PDB file of N, CA and C in Angstrom:
ATOM      1  N   MET A   1       0.854  -1.169   0.000  1.00  0.00           N
ATOM      2  CA  MET A   1       0.000   0.000   0.000  1.00  0.00           C
ATOM      3  C   MET A   1       0.902   1.235   0.000  1.00  0.00           C
ATOM      4  N   GLU A   2       0.665   2.101  -0.920  1.00  0.00           N
ATOM      5  CA  GLU A   2       1.457   3.328  -1.040  1.00  0.00           C
ATOM      6  C   GLU A   2       0.627   4.530  -0.618  1.00  0.00           C
ATOM      7  N   LEU A   3       0.979   5.075   0.521  1.00  0.00           N
ATOM      8  CA  LEU A   3       0.349   6.296   1.010  1.00  0.00           C
ATOM      9  C   LEU A   3       1.454   7.239   1.447  1.00  0.00           C
ATOM     10  N   PRO A   4       1.266   8.537   1.270  1.00  0.00           N
ATOM     11  CA  PRO A   4       2.245   9.468   1.815  1.00  0.00           C
ATOM     12  C   PRO A   4       2.321   9.322   3.341  1.00  0.00           C
ATOM     13  N   VAL A   5       3.472   9.618   3.892  1.00  0.00           N
ATOM     14  CA  VAL A   5       3.673   9.496   5.342  1.00  0.00           C
ATOM     15  C   VAL A   5       2.642  10.333   6.094  1.00  0.00           C
ATOM     16  N   PHE A   6       2.357  11.524   5.617  1.00  0.00           N
ATOM     17  CA  PHE A   6       1.383  12.388   6.284  1.00  0.00           C
ATOM     18  C   PHE A   6       0.016  11.707   6.364  1.00  0.00           C
ATOM     19  N   ALA A   7      -0.419  11.104   5.261  1.00  0.00           N
ATOM     20  CA  ALA A   7      -1.726  10.431   5.240  1.00  0.00           C
ATOM     21  C   ALA A   7      -1.733   9.240   6.198  1.00  0.00           C
ATOM     22  N   ALA A   8      -0.643   8.497   6.234  1.00  0.00           N
ATOM     23  CA  ALA A   8      -0.554   7.361   7.153  1.00  0.00           C
ATOM     24  C   ALA A   8      -0.630   7.837   8.599  1.00  0.00           C
ATOM     25  N   LEU A   9       0.046   8.928   8.912  1.00  0.00           N
ATOM     26  CA  LEU A   9       0.013   9.467  10.270  1.00  0.00           C
ATOM     27  C   LEU A   9      -1.388   9.958  10.650  1.00  0.00           C
ATOM     28  N   VAL A  10      -2.080  10.556   9.700  1.00  0.00           N
ATOM     29  CA  VAL A  10      -3.457  11.011   9.950  1.00  0.00           C
ATOM     30  C   VAL A  10      -4.353   9.805  10.266  1.00  0.00           C
ATOM     31  N   LEU A  11      -4.180   8.714   9.534  1.00  0.00           N
ATOM     32  CA  LEU A  11      -4.974   7.515   9.801  1.00  0.00           C
ATOM     33  C   LEU A  11      -4.671   6.945  11.186  1.00  0.00           C
ATOM     34  N   ILE A  12      -3.410   6.915  11.549  1.00  0.00           N
ATOM     35  CA  ILE A  12      -3.031   6.409  12.870  1.00  0.00           C
ATOM     36  C   ILE A  12      -3.622   7.285  13.969  1.00  0.00           C
ATOM     37  N   ILE A  13      -3.491   8.594  13.818  1.00  0.00           N
ATOM     38  CA  ILE A  13      -4.019   9.520  14.822  1.00  0.00           C
ATOM     39  C   ILE A  13      -5.538   9.388  14.932  1.00  0.00           C
ATOM     40  N   ALA A  14      -6.222   9.290  13.791  1.00  0.00           N
ATOM     41  CA  ALA A  14      -7.684   9.144  13.806  1.00  0.00           C
ATOM     42  C   ALA A  14      -8.095   7.843  14.487  1.00  0.00           C
ATOM     43  N   GLY A  15      -7.368   6.772  14.212  1.00  0.00           N
ATOM     44  CA  GLY A  15      -7.672   5.494  14.837  1.00  0.00           C
ATOM     45  C   GLY A  15      -7.455   5.522  16.338  1.00  0.00           C
ATOM     46  N   VAL A  16      -6.333   6.076  16.758  1.00  0.00           N
ATOM     47  CA  VAL A  16      -6.037   6.173  18.191  1.00  0.00           C
ATOM     48  C   VAL A  16      -7.064   7.068  18.882  1.00  0.00           C
ATOM     49  N   TRP A  17      -7.441   8.145  18.223  1.00  0.00           N
ATOM     50  CA  TRP A  17      -8.457   9.048  18.771  1.00  0.00           C
ATOM     51  C   TRP A  17      -9.739   8.266  19.079  1.00  0.00           C
ATOM     52  N   SER A  18     -10.185   7.453  18.139  1.00  0.00           N
ATOM     53  CA  SER A  18     -11.399   6.665  18.349  1.00  0.00           C
ATOM     54  C   SER A  18     -11.239   5.704  19.516  1.00  0.00           C
ATOM     55  N   LEU A  19     -10.078   5.095  19.622  1.00  0.00           N
ATOM     56  CA  LEU A  19      -9.846   4.125  20.690  1.00  0.00           C
ATOM     57  C   LEU A  19      -9.732   4.782  22.061  1.00  0.00           C
ATOM     58  N   VAL A  20      -9.430   6.067  22.098  1.00  0.00           N
ATOM     59  CA  VAL A  20      -9.332   6.791  23.368  1.00  0.00           C
ATOM     60  C   VAL A  20     -10.672   7.420  23.752  1.00  0.00           C
ATOM     61  N   VAL A  21     -11.357   8.007  22.790  1.00  0.00           N
ATOM     62  CA  VAL A  21     -12.568   8.778  23.075  1.00  0.00           C
ATOM     63  C   VAL A  21     -13.798   7.898  23.326  1.00  0.00           C
ATOM     64  N   TRP A  22     -14.016   6.881  22.505  1.00  0.00           N
ATOM     65  CA  TRP A  22     -15.253   6.108  22.611  1.00  0.00           C
ATOM     66  C   TRP A  22     -15.419   5.360  23.932  1.00  0.00           C
ATOM     67  N   PRO A  23     -14.369   4.763  24.496  1.00  0.00           N
ATOM     68  CA  PRO A  23     -14.582   4.117  25.811  1.00  0.00           C
ATOM     69  C   PRO A  23     -15.001   5.107  26.899  1.00  0.00           C
ATOM     70  N   GLN A  24     -14.466   6.325  26.848  1.00  0.00           N
ATOM     71  CA  GLN A  24     -14.864   7.355  27.813  1.00  0.00           C
ATOM     72  C   GLN A  24     -16.346   7.687  27.653  1.00  0.00           C
ATOM     73  N   PHE A  25     -16.774   7.781  26.405  1.00  0.00           N
ATOM     74  CA  PHE A  25     -18.180   8.057  26.115  1.00  0.00           C
ATOM     75  C   PHE A  25     -19.064   6.942  26.660  1.00  0.00           C
ATOM     76  N   LEU A  26     -18.646   5.692  26.448  1.00  0.00           N
ATOM     77  CA  LEU A  26     -19.439   4.556  26.917  1.00  0.00           C
ATOM     78  C   LEU A  26     -19.538   4.547  28.443  1.00  0.00           C
ATOM     79  N   ARG A  27     -18.472   4.921  29.124  1.00  0.00           N
ATOM     80  CA  ARG A  27     -18.528   4.986  30.594  1.00  0.00           C
ATOM     81  C   ARG A  27     -19.596   5.974  31.047  1.00  0.00           C
ATOM     82  N   ARG A  28     -19.675   7.108  30.362  1.00  0.00           N
ATOM     83  CA  ARG A  28     -20.703   8.106  30.713  1.00  0.00           C
ATOM     84  C   ARG A  28     -22.107   7.585  30.429  1.00  0.00           C
ATOM     85  N   VAL A  29     -22.254   6.918  29.289  1.00  0.00           N
ATOM     86  CA  VAL A  29     -23.564   6.371  28.926  1.00  0.00           C
ATOM     87  C   VAL A  29     -24.000   5.330  29.955  1.00  0.00           C
ATOM     88  N   MET A  30     -23.076   4.500  30.402  1.00  0.00           N
ATOM     89  CA  MET A  30     -23.425   3.450  31.359  1.00  0.00           C
ATOM     90  C   MET A  30     -23.852   4.019  32.719  1.00  0.00           C
ATOM     91  N   LYS A  31     -23.372   5.213  33.044  1.00  0.00           N
ATOM     92  CA  LYS A  31     -23.774   5.865  34.306  1.00  0.00           C
ATOM     93  C   LYS A  31     -25.080   6.639  34.165  1.00  0.00           C
ATOM     94  N   ASP A  32     -25.508   6.851  32.946  1.00  0.00           N
ATOM     95  CA  ASP A  32     -26.733   7.609  32.682  1.00  0.00           C
ATOM     96  C   ASP A  32     -27.936   6.838  33.225  1.00  0.00           C
ATOM     97  N   PRO A  33     -28.864   7.526  33.876  1.00  0.00           N
ATOM     98  CA  PRO A  33     -30.049   6.839  34.418  1.00  0.00           C
ATOM     99  C   PRO A  33     -30.904   6.164  33.339  1.00  0.00           C
ATOM    100  N   ARG A  34     -30.787   6.604  32.104  1.00  0.00           N
ATOM    101  CA  ARG A  34     -31.576   5.997  31.020  1.00  0.00           C
ATOM    102  C   ARG A  34     -31.014   4.654  30.569  1.00  0.00           C
ATOM    103  N   ALA A  35     -29.805   4.295  31.047  1.00  0.00           N
ATOM    104  CA  ALA A  35     -29.148   3.072  30.599  1.00  0.00           C
ATOM    105  C   ALA A  35     -29.779   1.809  31.176  1.00  0.00           C
ATOM    106  N   ARG A  36     -30.404   1.917  32.322  1.00  0.00           N
ATOM    107  CA  ARG A  36     -31.008   0.748  32.987  1.00  0.00           C
ATOM    108  C   ARG A  36     -32.441   1.083  33.409  1.00  0.00           C
ATOM    109  N   ASP A  37     -33.298   0.080  33.362  1.00  0.00           N
ATOM    110  CA  ASP A  37     -34.667   0.308  33.827  1.00  0.00           C
ATOM    111  C   ASP A  37     -34.726   0.111  35.343  1.00  0.00           C
ATOM    112  N   ALA A  38     -35.916   0.163  35.888  1.00  0.00           N
ATOM    113  CA  ALA A  38     -36.092   0.060  37.342  1.00  0.00           C
ATOM    114  C   ALA A  38     -35.597  -1.284  37.888  1.00  0.00           C
ATOM    115  N   ALA A  39     -35.631  -2.320  37.053  1.00  0.00           N
ATOM    116  CA  ALA A  39     -35.183  -3.648  37.469  1.00  0.00           C
ATOM    117  C   ALA A  39     -33.673  -3.834  37.265  1.00  0.00           C
ATOM    118  N   GLY A  40     -33.019  -2.818  36.722  1.00  0.00           N
ATOM    119  CA  GLY A  40     -31.578  -2.906  36.493  1.00  0.00           C
ATOM    120  C   GLY A  40     -31.206  -3.520  35.160  1.00  0.00           C
ATOM    121  N   LYS A  41     -32.209  -3.768  34.328  1.00  0.00           N
ATOM    122  CA  LYS A  41     -31.991  -4.367  33.024  1.00  0.00           C
ATOM    123  C   LYS A  41     -31.581  -3.301  32.002  1.00  0.00           C
ATOM    124  N   ALA A  42     -30.694  -3.670  31.064  1.00  0.00           N
ATOM    125  CA  ALA A  42     -30.246  -2.740  30.034  1.00  0.00           C
ATOM    126  C   ALA A  42     -31.431  -2.283  29.173  1.00  0.00           C
ATOM    127  N   THR A  43     -31.448  -0.983  28.871  1.00  0.00           N
ATOM    128  CA  THR A  43     -32.503  -0.420  28.021  1.00  0.00           C
ATOM    129  C   THR A  43     -32.013  -0.340  26.583  1.00  0.00           C
ATOM    130  N   LYS A  44     -32.934   0.039  25.689  1.00  0.00           N
ATOM    131  CA  LYS A  44     -32.551   0.235  24.284  1.00  0.00           C
ATOM    132  C   LYS A  44     -31.522   1.360  24.165  1.00  0.00           C
ATOM    133  N   PHE A  45     -31.630   2.344  25.018  1.00  0.00           N
ATOM    134  CA  PHE A  45     -30.670   3.455  25.045  1.00  0.00           C
ATOM    135  C   PHE A  45     -29.252   2.909  25.212  1.00  0.00           C
ATOM    136  N   LEU A  46     -29.058   2.027  26.169  1.00  0.00           N
ATOM    137  CA  LEU A  46     -27.737   1.449  26.417  1.00  0.00           C
ATOM    138  C   LEU A  46     -27.326   0.530  25.266  1.00  0.00           C
ATOM    139  N   THR A  47     -28.231  -0.296  24.810  1.00  0.00           N
ATOM    140  CA  THR A  47     -27.921  -1.235  23.734  1.00  0.00           C
ATOM    141  C   THR A  47     -27.469  -0.516  22.468  1.00  0.00           C
ATOM    142  N   VAL A  48     -28.194   0.515  22.090  1.00  0.00           N
ATOM    143  CA  VAL A  48     -27.842   1.278  20.887  1.00  0.00           C
ATOM    144  C   VAL A  48     -26.458   1.904  21.042  1.00  0.00           C
ATOM    145  N   HIS A  49     -26.175   2.435  22.209  1.00  0.00           N
ATOM    146  CA  HIS A  49     -24.874   3.076  22.411  1.00  0.00           C
ATOM    147  C   HIS A  49     -23.731   2.062  22.469  1.00  0.00           C
ATOM    148  N   VAL A  50     -23.982   0.906  23.019  1.00  0.00           N
ATOM    149  CA  VAL A  50     -22.945  -0.139  23.025  1.00  0.00           C
ATOM    150  C   VAL A  50     -22.627  -0.561  21.592  1.00  0.00           C
ATOM    151  N   VAL A  51     -23.657  -0.716  20.762  1.00  0.00           N
ATOM    152  CA  VAL A  51     -23.434  -1.068  19.353  1.00  0.00           C
ATOM    153  C   VAL A  51     -22.658   0.048  18.655  1.00  0.00           C
ATOM    154  N   LEU A  52     -23.048   1.281  18.869  1.00  0.00           N
ATOM    155  CA  LEU A  52     -22.376   2.427  18.268  1.00  0.00           C
ATOM    156  C   LEU A  52     -20.892   2.458  18.652  1.00  0.00           C
ATOM    157  N   VAL A  53     -20.619   2.298  19.922  1.00  0.00           N
ATOM    158  CA  VAL A  53     -19.235   2.336  20.405  1.00  0.00           C
ATOM    159  C   VAL A  53     -18.446   1.159  19.848  1.00  0.00           C
ATOM    160  N   THR A  54     -19.041  -0.010  19.814  1.00  0.00           N
ATOM    161  CA  THR A  54     -18.351  -1.191  19.297  1.00  0.00           C
ATOM    162  C   THR A  54     -17.968  -1.014  17.835  1.00  0.00           C
ATOM    163  N   ILE A  55     -18.910  -0.574  17.031  1.00  0.00           N
ATOM    164  CA  ILE A  55     -18.623  -0.352  15.612  1.00  0.00           C
ATOM    165  C   ILE A  55     -17.560   0.725  15.443  1.00  0.00           C
ATOM    166  N   SER A  56     -17.657   1.792  16.196  1.00  0.00           N
ATOM    167  CA  SER A  56     -16.685   2.884  16.093  1.00  0.00           C
ATOM    168  C   SER A  56     -15.286   2.427  16.502  1.00  0.00           C
ATOM    169  N   MET A  57     -15.205   1.573  17.500  1.00  0.00           N
ATOM    170  CA  MET A  57     -13.891   1.092  17.922  1.00  0.00           C
ATOM    171  C   MET A  57     -13.304   0.097  16.926  1.00  0.00           C
ATOM    172  N   VAL A  58     -14.145  -0.712  16.320  1.00  0.00           N
ATOM    173  CA  VAL A  58     -13.658  -1.626  15.272  1.00  0.00           C
ATOM    174  C   VAL A  58     -13.128  -0.810  14.092  1.00  0.00           C
ATOM    175  N   LEU A  59     -13.883   0.207  13.687  1.00  0.00           N
ATOM    176  CA  LEU A  59     -13.431   1.063  12.582  1.00  0.00           C
ATOM    177  C   LEU A  59     -12.179   1.850  12.967  1.00  0.00           C
ATOM    178  N   GLY A  60     -12.096   2.300  14.214  1.00  0.00           N
ATOM    179  CA  GLY A  60     -10.899   2.998  14.682  1.00  0.00           C
ATOM    180  C   GLY A  60      -9.676   2.103  14.653  1.00  0.00           C
ATOM    181  N   THR A  61      -9.858   0.857  15.072  1.00  0.00           N
ATOM    182  CA  THR A  61      -8.754  -0.101  15.036  1.00  0.00           C
ATOM    183  C   THR A  61      -8.317  -0.352  13.603  1.00  0.00           C
ATOM    184  N   ALA A  62      -9.273  -0.544  12.707  1.00  0.00           N
ATOM    185  CA  ALA A  62      -8.946  -0.766  11.296  1.00  0.00           C
ATOM    186  C   ALA A  62      -8.233   0.445  10.699  1.00  0.00           C
ATOM    187  N   THR A  63      -8.697   1.634  11.038  1.00  0.00           N
ATOM    188  CA  THR A  63      -8.082   2.854  10.528  1.00  0.00           C
ATOM    189  C   THR A  63      -6.629   2.964  10.980  1.00  0.00           C
ATOM    190  N   ALA A  64      -6.397   2.740  12.261  1.00  0.00           N
ATOM    191  CA  ALA A  64      -5.031   2.811  12.788  1.00  0.00           C
ATOM    192  C   ALA A  64      -4.165   1.729  12.156  1.00  0.00           C
ATOM    193  N   LEU A  65      -4.699   0.543  11.994  1.00  0.00           N
ATOM    194  CA  LEU A  65      -3.944  -0.558  11.384  1.00  0.00           C
ATOM    195  C   LEU A  65      -3.569  -0.240   9.941  1.00  0.00           C
ATOM    196  N   ILE A  66      -4.482   0.322   9.198  1.00  0.00           N
ATOM    197  CA  ILE A  66      -4.184   0.718   7.811  1.00  0.00           C
ATOM    198  C   ILE A  66      -3.063   1.759   7.795  1.00  0.00           C
ATOM    199  N   GLY A  67      -3.122   2.702   8.709  1.00  0.00           N
ATOM    200  CA  GLY A  67      -2.063   3.708   8.802  1.00  0.00           C
ATOM    201  C   GLY A  67      -0.715   3.100   9.123  1.00  0.00           C
ATOM    202  N   VAL A  68      -0.690   2.165  10.066  1.00  0.00           N
ATOM    203  CA  VAL A  68       0.569   1.502  10.427  1.00  0.00           C
ATOM    204  C   VAL A  68       1.085   0.681   9.255  1.00  0.00           C
ATOM    205  N   MET A  69       0.205  -0.039   8.588  1.00  0.00           N
ATOM    206  CA  MET A  69       0.620  -0.830   7.426  1.00  0.00           C
ATOM    207  C   MET A  69       1.204   0.051   6.337  1.00  0.00           C
ATOM    208  N   ALA A  70       0.616   1.219   6.157  1.00  0.00           N
ATOM    209  CA  ALA A  70       1.112   2.140   5.128  1.00  0.00           C
ATOM    210  C   ALA A  70       2.500   2.671   5.503  1.00  0.00           C
ATOM    211  N   LEU A  71       2.738   2.895   6.782  1.00  0.00           N
ATOM    212  CA  LEU A  71       4.064   3.376   7.210  1.00  0.00           C
ATOM    213  C   LEU A  71       5.126   2.288   7.070  1.00  0.00           C
ATOM    214  N   VAL A  72       4.751   1.062   7.381  1.00  0.00           N
ATOM    215  CA  VAL A  72       5.714  -0.044   7.375  1.00  0.00           C
ATOM    216  C   VAL A  72       6.096  -0.442   5.951  1.00  0.00           C
ATOM    217  N   SER A  73       5.154  -0.396   5.048  1.00  0.00           N
ATOM    218  CA  SER A  73       5.436  -0.857   3.673  1.00  0.00           C
ATOM    219  C   SER A  73       6.154   0.180   2.834  1.00  0.00           C
TER     220      SER A  73
END
């Protein structure tokens, strides 16, 4: 894969950013009163956010990996 060094660094930074920011967001969502019902069961609010964070972290990991691969090759 041929990418300029600058582009590879941008991908790495974007990937790391996602891996740092999204877990913090999920911690806040899990503390939100809307995350659990009166019985302590997960609500749709929590489920949707867990899916969102999971997908974002997978994409962040892929983005960072692509950046690293571009730097190494």
